[in-house]
Amino acid sequence: MAFYAILTRLSPEALARPGAIQELGAKVSEALQAQVPEARWVASYAVLGPCDYLDIIEAPNEEVAARASAVIRTLGHATTETWVLIPWERFKAIAP
């Protein structure tokens, strides 16, 4: 299984009222479990930068990672970027 980083930037509509962020997180988590059971949500971080969140998922391939990203994008009224992550030890073994 591979690791992927999903960087998310929420639209203003997603945070239109107090408490919306907790509800959104619960909806996204539930939808990921139901719609993309092959993906495992490893970690989630708030980001103080151009993106609002960084989620780390483990998935068998990029198609599954793309489906997870689409769930986040659709439910969160957000834009996402998905990056492949290579563990440092593995990268050192394949780097020239």
PDB file of N, CA and C in Angstrom:
ATOM      1  N   MET A   1       0.849  -1.176   0.000  1.00  0.00           N
ATOM      2  CA  MET A   1       0.000   0.000   0.000  1.00  0.00           C
ATOM      3  C   MET A   1       0.888   1.231   0.000  1.00  0.00           C
ATOM      4  N   ALA A   2       0.399   2.264  -0.640  1.00  0.00           N
ATOM      5  CA  ALA A   2       1.139   3.516  -0.752  1.00  0.00           C
ATOM      6  C   ALA A   2       0.480   4.586   0.117  1.00  0.00           C
ATOM      7  N   PHE A   3       1.262   5.601   0.426  1.00  0.00           N
ATOM      8  CA  PHE A   3       0.754   6.732   1.197  1.00  0.00           C
ATOM      9  C   PHE A   3       0.563   7.927   0.275  1.00  0.00           C
ATOM     10  N   TYR A   4      -0.481   8.690   0.544  1.00  0.00           N
ATOM     11  CA  TYR A   4      -0.805   9.869  -0.247  1.00  0.00           C
ATOM     12  C   TYR A   4      -1.137  11.024   0.697  1.00  0.00           C
ATOM     13  N   ALA A   5      -0.711  12.210   0.311  1.00  0.00           N
ATOM     14  CA  ALA A   5      -1.073  13.424   1.027  1.00  0.00           C
ATOM     15  C   ALA A   5      -2.160  14.122   0.226  1.00  0.00           C
ATOM     16  N   ILE A   6      -3.231  14.494   0.902  1.00  0.00           N
ATOM     17  CA  ILE A   6      -4.295  15.259   0.259  1.00  0.00           C
ATOM     18  C   ILE A   6      -4.340  16.615   0.945  1.00  0.00           C
ATOM     19  N   LEU A   7      -3.986  17.641   0.189  1.00  0.00           N
ATOM     20  CA  LEU A   7      -4.042  19.014   0.686  1.00  0.00           C
ATOM     21  C   LEU A   7      -5.391  19.604   0.286  1.00  0.00           C
ATOM     22  N   THR A   8      -6.095  20.170   1.251  1.00  0.00           N
ATOM     23  CA  THR A   8      -7.453  20.650   1.016  1.00  0.00           C
ATOM     24  C   THR A   8      -7.576  22.118   1.386  1.00  0.00           C
ATOM     25  N   ARG A   9      -8.254  22.830   0.509  1.00  0.00           N
ATOM     26  CA  ARG A   9      -8.599  24.223   0.784  1.00  0.00           C
ATOM     27  C   ARG A   9     -10.107  24.337   0.695  1.00  0.00           C
ATOM     28  N   LEU A  10     -10.750  24.680   1.812  1.00  0.00           N
ATOM     29  CA  LEU A  10     -12.199  24.767   1.872  1.00  0.00           C
ATOM     30  C   LEU A  10     -12.710  26.071   1.268  1.00  0.00           C
ATOM     31  N   SER A  11     -13.904  26.011   0.705  1.00  0.00           N
ATOM     32  CA  SER A  11     -14.545  27.233   0.218  1.00  0.00           C
ATOM     33  C   SER A  11     -15.166  27.959   1.406  1.00  0.00           C
ATOM     34  N   PRO A  12     -15.401  29.254   1.298  1.00  0.00           N
ATOM     35  CA  PRO A  12     -16.051  29.985   2.396  1.00  0.00           C
ATOM     36  C   PRO A  12     -17.420  29.415   2.753  1.00  0.00           C
ATOM     37  N   GLU A  13     -18.134  28.853   1.777  1.00  0.00           N
ATOM     38  CA  GLU A  13     -19.453  28.286   2.037  1.00  0.00           C
ATOM     39  C   GLU A  13     -19.389  27.095   2.998  1.00  0.00           C
ATOM     40  N   ALA A  14     -18.274  26.380   2.980  1.00  0.00           N
ATOM     41  CA  ALA A  14     -18.130  25.211   3.839  1.00  0.00           C
ATOM     42  C   ALA A  14     -18.073  25.587   5.315  1.00  0.00           C
ATOM     43  N   LEU A  15     -17.724  26.825   5.601  1.00  0.00           N
ATOM     44  CA  LEU A  15     -17.572  27.280   6.987  1.00  0.00           C
ATOM     45  C   LEU A  15     -18.509  28.437   7.288  1.00  0.00           C
ATOM     46  N   ALA A  16     -19.704  28.378   6.759  1.00  0.00           N
ATOM     47  CA  ALA A  16     -20.637  29.501   6.840  1.00  0.00           C
ATOM     48  C   ALA A  16     -21.201  29.739   8.233  1.00  0.00           C
ATOM     49  N   ARG A  17     -21.105  28.741   9.126  1.00  0.00           N
ATOM     50  CA  ARG A  17     -21.678  28.924  10.460  1.00  0.00           C
ATOM     51  C   ARG A  17     -20.828  28.214  11.507  1.00  0.00           C
ATOM     52  N   PRO A  18     -20.943  28.642  12.772  1.00  0.00           N
ATOM     53  CA  PRO A  18     -20.177  27.984  13.835  1.00  0.00           C
ATOM     54  C   PRO A  18     -20.536  26.502  13.927  1.00  0.00           C
ATOM     55  N   GLY A  19     -19.547  25.685  14.179  1.00  0.00           N
ATOM     56  CA  GLY A  19     -19.757  24.247  14.308  1.00  0.00           C
ATOM     57  C   GLY A  19     -19.725  23.489  12.995  1.00  0.00           C
ATOM     58  N   ALA A  20     -19.690  24.220  11.889  1.00  0.00           N
ATOM     59  CA  ALA A  20     -19.729  23.564  10.581  1.00  0.00           C
ATOM     60  C   ALA A  20     -18.503  22.680  10.359  1.00  0.00           C
ATOM     61  N   ILE A  21     -17.357  23.074  10.876  1.00  0.00           N
ATOM     62  CA  ILE A  21     -16.139  22.314  10.621  1.00  0.00           C
ATOM     63  C   ILE A  21     -16.192  20.923  11.262  1.00  0.00           C
ATOM     64  N   GLN A  22     -16.765  20.823  12.472  1.00  0.00           N
ATOM     65  CA  GLN A  22     -16.882  19.517  13.123  1.00  0.00           C
ATOM     66  C   GLN A  22     -17.865  18.625  12.356  1.00  0.00           C
ATOM     67  N   GLU A  23     -18.980  19.197  11.923  1.00  0.00           N
ATOM     68  CA  GLU A  23     -19.961  18.434  11.151  1.00  0.00           C
ATOM     69  C   GLU A  23     -19.367  17.972   9.830  1.00  0.00           C
ATOM     70  N   LEU A  24     -18.625  18.841   9.172  1.00  0.00           N
ATOM     71  CA  LEU A  24     -18.005  18.502   7.902  1.00  0.00           C
ATOM     72  C   LEU A  24     -17.004  17.358   8.073  1.00  0.00           C
ATOM     73  N   GLY A  25     -16.190  17.420   9.112  1.00  0.00           N
ATOM     74  CA  GLY A  25     -15.223  16.359   9.370  1.00  0.00           C
ATOM     75  C   GLY A  25     -15.900  15.014   9.583  1.00  0.00           C
ATOM     76  N   ALA A  26     -16.996  15.000  10.307  1.00  0.00           N
ATOM     77  CA  ALA A  26     -17.728  13.757  10.542  1.00  0.00           C
ATOM     78  C   ALA A  26     -18.334  13.220   9.247  1.00  0.00           C
ATOM     79  N   LYS A  27     -18.890  14.105   8.423  1.00  0.00           N
ATOM     80  CA  LYS A  27     -19.481  13.684   7.144  1.00  0.00           C
ATOM     81  C   LYS A  27     -18.427  13.107   6.207  1.00  0.00           C
ATOM     82  N   VAL A  28     -17.279  13.766   6.138  1.00  0.00           N
ATOM     83  CA  VAL A  28     -16.208  13.289   5.256  1.00  0.00           C
ATOM     84  C   VAL A  28     -15.698  11.935   5.739  1.00  0.00           C
ATOM     85  N   SER A  29     -15.493  11.783   7.033  1.00  0.00           N
ATOM     86  CA  SER A  29     -15.015  10.515   7.577  1.00  0.00           C
ATOM     87  C   SER A  29     -15.999   9.391   7.268  1.00  0.00           C
ATOM     88  N   GLU A  30     -17.269   9.634   7.496  1.00  0.00           N
ATOM     89  CA  GLU A  30     -18.309   8.636   7.226  1.00  0.00           C
ATOM     90  C   GLU A  30     -18.364   8.288   5.732  1.00  0.00           C
ATOM     91  N   ALA A  31     -18.293   9.292   4.885  1.00  0.00           N
ATOM     92  CA  ALA A  31     -18.348   9.059   3.436  1.00  0.00           C
ATOM     93  C   ALA A  31     -17.127   8.288   2.951  1.00  0.00           C
ATOM     94  N   LEU A  32     -15.950   8.603   3.486  1.00  0.00           N
ATOM     95  CA  LEU A  32     -14.749   7.860   3.086  1.00  0.00           C
ATOM     96  C   LEU A  32     -14.871   6.389   3.465  1.00  0.00           C
ATOM     97  N   GLN A  33     -15.363   6.108   4.653  1.00  0.00           N
ATOM     98  CA  GLN A  33     -15.522   4.720   5.078  1.00  0.00           C
ATOM     99  C   GLN A  33     -16.522   3.984   4.195  1.00  0.00           C
ATOM    100  N   ALA A  34     -17.594   4.651   3.805  1.00  0.00           N
ATOM    101  CA  ALA A  34     -18.640   4.015   3.005  1.00  0.00           C
ATOM    102  C   ALA A  34     -18.268   3.892   1.525  1.00  0.00           C
ATOM    103  N   GLN A  35     -17.660   4.952   0.964  1.00  0.00           N
ATOM    104  CA  GLN A  35     -17.437   5.009  -0.473  1.00  0.00           C
ATOM    105  C   GLN A  35     -16.050   4.554  -0.917  1.00  0.00           C
ATOM    106  N   VAL A  36     -15.084   4.617   0.002  1.00  0.00           N
ATOM    107  CA  VAL A  36     -13.710   4.243  -0.348  1.00  0.00           C
ATOM    108  C   VAL A  36     -13.131   3.378   0.784  1.00  0.00           C
ATOM    109  N   PRO A  37     -13.740   2.205   1.009  1.00  0.00           N
ATOM    110  CA  PRO A  37     -13.285   1.387   2.146  1.00  0.00           C
ATOM    111  C   PRO A  37     -11.857   0.861   1.993  1.00  0.00           C
ATOM    112  N   GLU A  38     -11.330   0.872   0.764  1.00  0.00           N
ATOM    113  CA  GLU A  38      -9.953   0.402   0.548  1.00  0.00           C
ATOM    114  C   GLU A  38      -8.916   1.388   1.063  1.00  0.00           C
ATOM    115  N   ALA A  39      -9.326   2.633   1.283  1.00  0.00           N
ATOM    116  CA  ALA A  39      -8.403   3.661   1.780  1.00  0.00           C
ATOM    117  C   ALA A  39      -8.463   3.710   3.301  1.00  0.00           C
ATOM    118  N   ARG A  40      -7.309   3.944   3.902  1.00  0.00           N
ATOM    119  CA  ARG A  40      -7.230   4.097   5.363  1.00  0.00           C
ATOM    120  C   ARG A  40      -6.755   5.501   5.672  1.00  0.00           C
ATOM    121  N   TRP A  41      -7.531   6.230   6.445  1.00  0.00           N
ATOM    122  CA  TRP A  41      -7.197   7.587   6.845  1.00  0.00           C
ATOM    123  C   TRP A  41      -6.170   7.489   7.962  1.00  0.00           C
ATOM    124  N   VAL A  42      -4.939   7.923   7.715  1.00  0.00           N
ATOM    125  CA  VAL A  42      -3.838   7.762   8.661  1.00  0.00           C
ATOM    126  C   VAL A  42      -3.742   8.939   9.631  1.00  0.00           C
ATOM    127  N   ALA A  43      -3.850  10.161   9.103  1.00  0.00           N
ATOM    128  CA  ALA A  43      -3.697  11.349   9.948  1.00  0.00           C
ATOM    129  C   ALA A  43      -4.338  12.546   9.266  1.00  0.00           C
ATOM    130  N   SER A  44      -4.636  13.532  10.076  1.00  0.00           N
ATOM    131  CA  SER A  44      -5.213  14.764   9.565  1.00  0.00           C
ATOM    132  C   SER A  44      -4.627  15.929  10.363  1.00  0.00           C
ATOM    133  N   TYR A  45      -4.235  16.982   9.644  1.00  0.00           N
ATOM    134  CA  TYR A  45      -3.623  18.150  10.285  1.00  0.00           C
ATOM    135  C   TYR A  45      -4.245  19.424   9.750  1.00  0.00           C
ATOM    136  N   ALA A  46      -4.436  20.402  10.624  1.00  0.00           N
ATOM    137  CA  ALA A  46      -4.776  21.747  10.184  1.00  0.00           C
ATOM    138  C   ALA A  46      -3.470  22.383   9.720  1.00  0.00           C
ATOM    139  N   VAL A  47      -3.540  23.175   8.671  1.00  0.00           N
ATOM    140  CA  VAL A  47      -2.342  23.792   8.093  1.00  0.00           C
ATOM    141  C   VAL A  47      -2.491  25.306   8.146  1.00  0.00           C
ATOM    142  N   LEU A  48      -1.475  25.976   8.640  1.00  0.00           N
ATOM    143  CA  LEU A  48      -1.466  27.439   8.659  1.00  0.00           C
ATOM    144  C   LEU A  48      -0.715  27.908   7.425  1.00  0.00           C
ATOM    145  N   GLY A  49      -1.392  27.895   6.315  1.00  0.00           N
ATOM    146  CA  GLY A  49      -0.775  28.239   5.038  1.00  0.00           C
ATOM    147  C   GLY A  49      -1.836  28.344   3.971  1.00  0.00           C
ATOM    148  N   PRO A  50      -1.461  28.169   2.723  1.00  0.00           N
ATOM    149  CA  PRO A  50      -2.428  28.331   1.633  1.00  0.00           C
ATOM    150  C   PRO A  50      -3.508  27.248   1.618  1.00  0.00           C
ATOM    151  N   CYS A  51      -3.267  26.107   2.262  1.00  0.00           N
ATOM    152  CA  CYS A  51      -4.278  25.054   2.382  1.00  0.00           C
ATOM    153  C   CYS A  51      -4.785  25.039   3.816  1.00  0.00           C
ATOM    154  N   ASP A  52      -5.977  24.500   3.996  1.00  0.00           N
ATOM    155  CA  ASP A  52      -6.571  24.421   5.332  1.00  0.00           C
ATOM    156  C   ASP A  52      -6.218  23.130   6.056  1.00  0.00           C
ATOM    157  N   TYR A  53      -6.106  22.035   5.289  1.00  0.00           N
ATOM    158  CA  TYR A  53      -5.879  20.726   5.895  1.00  0.00           C
ATOM    159  C   TYR A  53      -4.908  19.899   5.087  1.00  0.00           C
ATOM    160  N   LEU A  54      -4.250  18.995   5.791  1.00  0.00           N
ATOM    161  CA  LEU A  54      -3.414  17.970   5.179  1.00  0.00           C
ATOM    162  C   LEU A  54      -3.885  16.641   5.740  1.00  0.00           C
ATOM    163  N   ASP A  55      -4.392  15.782   4.875  1.00  0.00           N
ATOM    164  CA  ASP A  55      -4.788  14.437   5.265  1.00  0.00           C
ATOM    165  C   ASP A  55      -3.795  13.462   4.669  1.00  0.00           C
ATOM    166  N   ILE A  56      -3.419  12.470   5.450  1.00  0.00           N
ATOM    167  CA  ILE A  56      -2.558  11.393   4.979  1.00  0.00           C
ATOM    168  C   ILE A  56      -3.434  10.148   4.908  1.00  0.00           C
ATOM    169  N   ILE A  57      -3.463   9.521   3.728  1.00  0.00           N
ATOM    170  CA  ILE A  57      -4.212   8.279   3.584  1.00  0.00           C
ATOM    171  C   ILE A  57      -3.286   7.186   3.069  1.00  0.00           C
ATOM    172  N   GLU A  58      -3.662   5.964   3.320  1.00  0.00           N
ATOM    173  CA  GLU A  58      -2.971   4.814   2.763  1.00  0.00           C
ATOM    174  C   GLU A  58      -3.953   4.148   1.813  1.00  0.00           C
ATOM    175  N   ALA A  59      -3.502   3.871   0.597  1.00  0.00           N
ATOM    176  CA  ALA A  59      -4.376   3.299  -0.419  1.00  0.00           C
ATOM    177  C   ALA A  59      -3.585   2.345  -1.304  1.00  0.00           C
ATOM    178  N   PRO A  60      -4.258   1.387  -1.918  1.00  0.00           N
ATOM    179  CA  PRO A  60      -3.541   0.416  -2.746  1.00  0.00           C
ATOM    180  C   PRO A  60      -3.018   0.983  -4.060  1.00  0.00           C
ATOM    181  N   ASN A  61      -3.617   2.079  -4.539  1.00  0.00           N
ATOM    182  CA  ASN A  61      -3.170   2.670  -5.807  1.00  0.00           C
ATOM    183  C   ASN A  61      -3.709   4.087  -5.951  1.00  0.00           C
ATOM    184  N   GLU A  62      -3.274   4.754  -7.021  1.00  0.00           N
ATOM    185  CA  GLU A  62      -3.660   6.158  -7.217  1.00  0.00           C
ATOM    186  C   GLU A  62      -5.135   6.330  -7.543  1.00  0.00           C
ATOM    187  N   GLU A  63      -5.784   5.301  -8.117  1.00  0.00           N
ATOM    188  CA  GLU A  63      -7.218   5.408  -8.396  1.00  0.00           C
ATOM    189  C   GLU A  63      -8.021   5.510  -7.099  1.00  0.00           C
ATOM    190  N   VAL A  64      -7.656   4.710  -6.129  1.00  0.00           N
ATOM    191  CA  VAL A  64      -8.335   4.755  -4.833  1.00  0.00           C
ATOM    192  C   VAL A  64      -8.054   6.094  -4.152  1.00  0.00           C
ATOM    193  N   ALA A  65      -6.820   6.575  -4.230  1.00  0.00           N
ATOM    194  CA  ALA A  65      -6.481   7.884  -3.658  1.00  0.00           C
ATOM    195  C   ALA A  65      -7.276   8.996  -4.341  1.00  0.00           C
ATOM    196  N   ALA A  66      -7.462   8.885  -5.645  1.00  0.00           N
ATOM    197  CA  ALA A  66      -8.236   9.888  -6.375  1.00  0.00           C
ATOM    198  C   ALA A  66      -9.702   9.872  -5.941  1.00  0.00           C
ATOM    199  N   ARG A  67     -10.243   8.687  -5.697  1.00  0.00           N
ATOM    200  CA  ARG A  67     -11.629   8.607  -5.221  1.00  0.00           C
ATOM    201  C   ARG A  67     -11.761   9.237  -3.840  1.00  0.00           C
ATOM    202  N   ALA A  68     -10.795   8.991  -2.975  1.00  0.00           N
ATOM    203  CA  ALA A  68     -10.825   9.604  -1.646  1.00  0.00           C
ATOM    204  C   ALA A  68     -10.753  11.123  -1.765  1.00  0.00           C
ATOM    205  N   SER A  69      -9.882  11.601  -2.629  1.00  0.00           N
ATOM    206  CA  SER A  69      -9.757  13.044  -2.846  1.00  0.00           C
ATOM    207  C   SER A  69     -11.065  13.631  -3.373  1.00  0.00           C
ATOM    208  N   ALA A  70     -11.733  12.904  -4.258  1.00  0.00           N
ATOM    209  CA  ALA A  70     -13.009  13.382  -4.815  1.00  0.00           C
ATOM    210  C   ALA A  70     -14.083  13.464  -3.735  1.00  0.00           C
ATOM    211  N   VAL A  71     -14.104  12.506  -2.823  1.00  0.00           N
ATOM    212  CA  VAL A  71     -15.070  12.562  -1.714  1.00  0.00           C
ATOM    213  C   VAL A  71     -14.832  13.810  -0.881  1.00  0.00           C
ATOM    214  N   ILE A  72     -13.578  14.063  -0.533  1.00  0.00           N
ATOM    215  CA  ILE A  72     -13.243  15.251   0.265  1.00  0.00           C
ATOM    216  C   ILE A  72     -13.616  16.521  -0.486  1.00  0.00           C
ATOM    217  N   ARG A  73     -13.273  16.563  -1.763  1.00  0.00           N
ATOM    218  CA  ARG A  73     -13.547  17.750  -2.583  1.00  0.00           C
ATOM    219  C   ARG A  73     -15.047  18.016  -2.687  1.00  0.00           C
ATOM    220  N   THR A  74     -15.835  16.974  -2.924  1.00  0.00           N
ATOM    221  CA  THR A  74     -17.269  17.135  -3.117  1.00  0.00           C
ATOM    222  C   THR A  74     -17.979  17.530  -1.828  1.00  0.00           C
ATOM    223  N   LEU A  75     -17.734  16.798  -0.747  1.00  0.00           N
ATOM    224  CA  LEU A  75     -18.425  17.082   0.514  1.00  0.00           C
ATOM    225  C   LEU A  75     -17.938  18.363   1.169  1.00  0.00           C
ATOM    226  N   GLY A  76     -16.669  18.665   0.990  1.00  0.00           N
ATOM    227  CA  GLY A  76     -16.096  19.825   1.653  1.00  0.00           C
ATOM    228  C   GLY A  76     -16.207  21.115   0.878  1.00  0.00           C
ATOM    229  N   HIS A  77     -16.845  21.062  -0.308  1.00  0.00           N
ATOM    230  CA  HIS A  77     -16.894  22.260  -1.155  1.00  0.00           C
ATOM    231  C   HIS A  77     -15.493  22.845  -1.205  1.00  0.00           C
ATOM    232  N   ALA A  78     -14.557  22.019  -1.665  1.00  0.00           N
ATOM    233  CA  ALA A  78     -13.150  22.353  -1.526  1.00  0.00           C
ATOM    234  C   ALA A  78     -12.389  22.083  -2.815  1.00  0.00           C
ATOM    235  N   THR A  79     -11.161  22.554  -2.820  1.00  0.00           N
ATOM    236  CA  THR A  79     -10.206  22.156  -3.849  1.00  0.00           C
ATOM    237  C   THR A  79      -9.178  21.270  -3.159  1.00  0.00           C
ATOM    238  N   THR A  80      -8.655  20.291  -3.898  1.00  0.00           N
ATOM    239  CA  THR A  80      -7.679  19.381  -3.310  1.00  0.00           C
ATOM    240  C   THR A  80      -6.499  19.183  -4.246  1.00  0.00           C
ATOM    241  N   GLU A  81      -5.383  18.828  -3.662  1.00  0.00           N
ATOM    242  CA  GLU A  81      -4.200  18.362  -4.387  1.00  0.00           C
ATOM    243  C   GLU A  81      -3.829  17.037  -3.745  1.00  0.00           C
ATOM    244  N   THR A  82      -3.482  16.059  -4.558  1.00  0.00           N
ATOM    245  CA  THR A  82      -3.096  14.758  -4.031  1.00  0.00           C
ATOM    246  C   THR A  82      -1.664  14.464  -4.452  1.00  0.00           C
ATOM    247  N   TRP A  83      -0.837  14.134  -3.474  1.00  0.00           N
ATOM    248  CA  TRP A  83       0.575  13.862  -3.717  1.00  0.00           C
ATOM    249  C   TRP A  83       0.900  12.437  -3.275  1.00  0.00           C
ATOM    250  N   VAL A  84       1.771  11.777  -4.034  1.00  0.00           N
ATOM    251  CA  VAL A  84       2.287  10.463  -3.641  1.00  0.00           C
ATOM    252  C   VAL A  84       3.407  10.693  -2.632  1.00  0.00           C
ATOM    253  N   LEU A  85       3.409   9.908  -1.566  1.00  0.00           N
ATOM    254  CA  LEU A  85       4.453   9.994  -0.546  1.00  0.00           C
ATOM    255  C   LEU A  85       5.302   8.730  -0.592  1.00  0.00           C
ATOM    256  N   ILE A  86       6.610   8.896  -0.577  1.00  0.00           N
ATOM    257  CA  ILE A  86       7.529   7.762  -0.562  1.00  0.00           C
ATOM    258  C   ILE A  86       8.294   7.819   0.758  1.00  0.00           C
ATOM    259  N   PRO A  87       8.189   6.771   1.572  1.00  0.00           N
ATOM    260  CA  PRO A  87       8.944   6.761   2.828  1.00  0.00           C
ATOM    261  C   PRO A  87      10.436   6.993   2.561  1.00  0.00           C
ATOM    262  N   TRP A  88      11.080   7.724   3.447  1.00  0.00           N
ATOM    263  CA  TRP A  88      12.467   8.128   3.254  1.00  0.00           C
ATOM    264  C   TRP A  88      13.381   6.930   3.024  1.00  0.00           C
ATOM    265  N   GLU A  89      13.238   5.876   3.815  1.00  0.00           N
ATOM    266  CA  GLU A  89      14.107   4.711   3.664  1.00  0.00           C
ATOM    267  C   GLU A  89      13.942   4.078   2.271  1.00  0.00           C
ATOM    268  N   ARG A  90      12.747   4.007   1.798  1.00  0.00           N
ATOM    269  CA  ARG A  90      12.512   3.455   0.455  1.00  0.00           C
ATOM    270  C   ARG A  90      13.101   4.379  -0.616  1.00  0.00           C
ATOM    271  N   PHE A  91      12.925   5.684  -0.436  1.00  0.00           N
ATOM    272  CA  PHE A  91      13.456   6.642  -1.398  1.00  0.00           C
ATOM    273  C   PHE A  91      14.970   6.550  -1.480  1.00  0.00           C
ATOM    274  N   LYS A  92      15.623   6.430  -0.309  1.00  0.00           N
ATOM    275  CA  LYS A  92      17.086   6.308  -0.313  1.00  0.00           C
ATOM    276  C   LYS A  92      17.531   5.074  -1.088  1.00  0.00           C
ATOM    277  N   ALA A  93      16.744   4.010  -1.011  1.00  0.00           N
ATOM    278  CA  ALA A  93      17.102   2.770  -1.710  1.00  0.00           C
ATOM    279  C   ALA A  93      16.941   2.886  -3.214  1.00  0.00           C
ATOM    280  N   ILE A  94      16.051   3.742  -3.683  1.00  0.00           N
ATOM    281  CA  ILE A  94      15.834   3.858  -5.135  1.00  0.00           C
ATOM    282  C   ILE A  94      16.514   5.079  -5.749  1.00  0.00           C
ATOM    283  N   ALA A  95      16.959   6.001  -4.908  1.00  0.00           N
ATOM    284  CA  ALA A  95      17.592   7.222  -5.430  1.00  0.00           C
ATOM    285  C   ALA A  95      18.995   6.902  -5.958  1.00  0.00           C
ATOM    286  N   PRO A  96      19.404   7.588  -7.023  1.00  0.00           N
ATOM    287  CA  PRO A  96      20.750   7.351  -7.563  1.00  0.00           C
ATOM    288  C   PRO A  96      21.843   7.832  -6.618  1.00  0.00           C
TER     289      PRO A  96
END
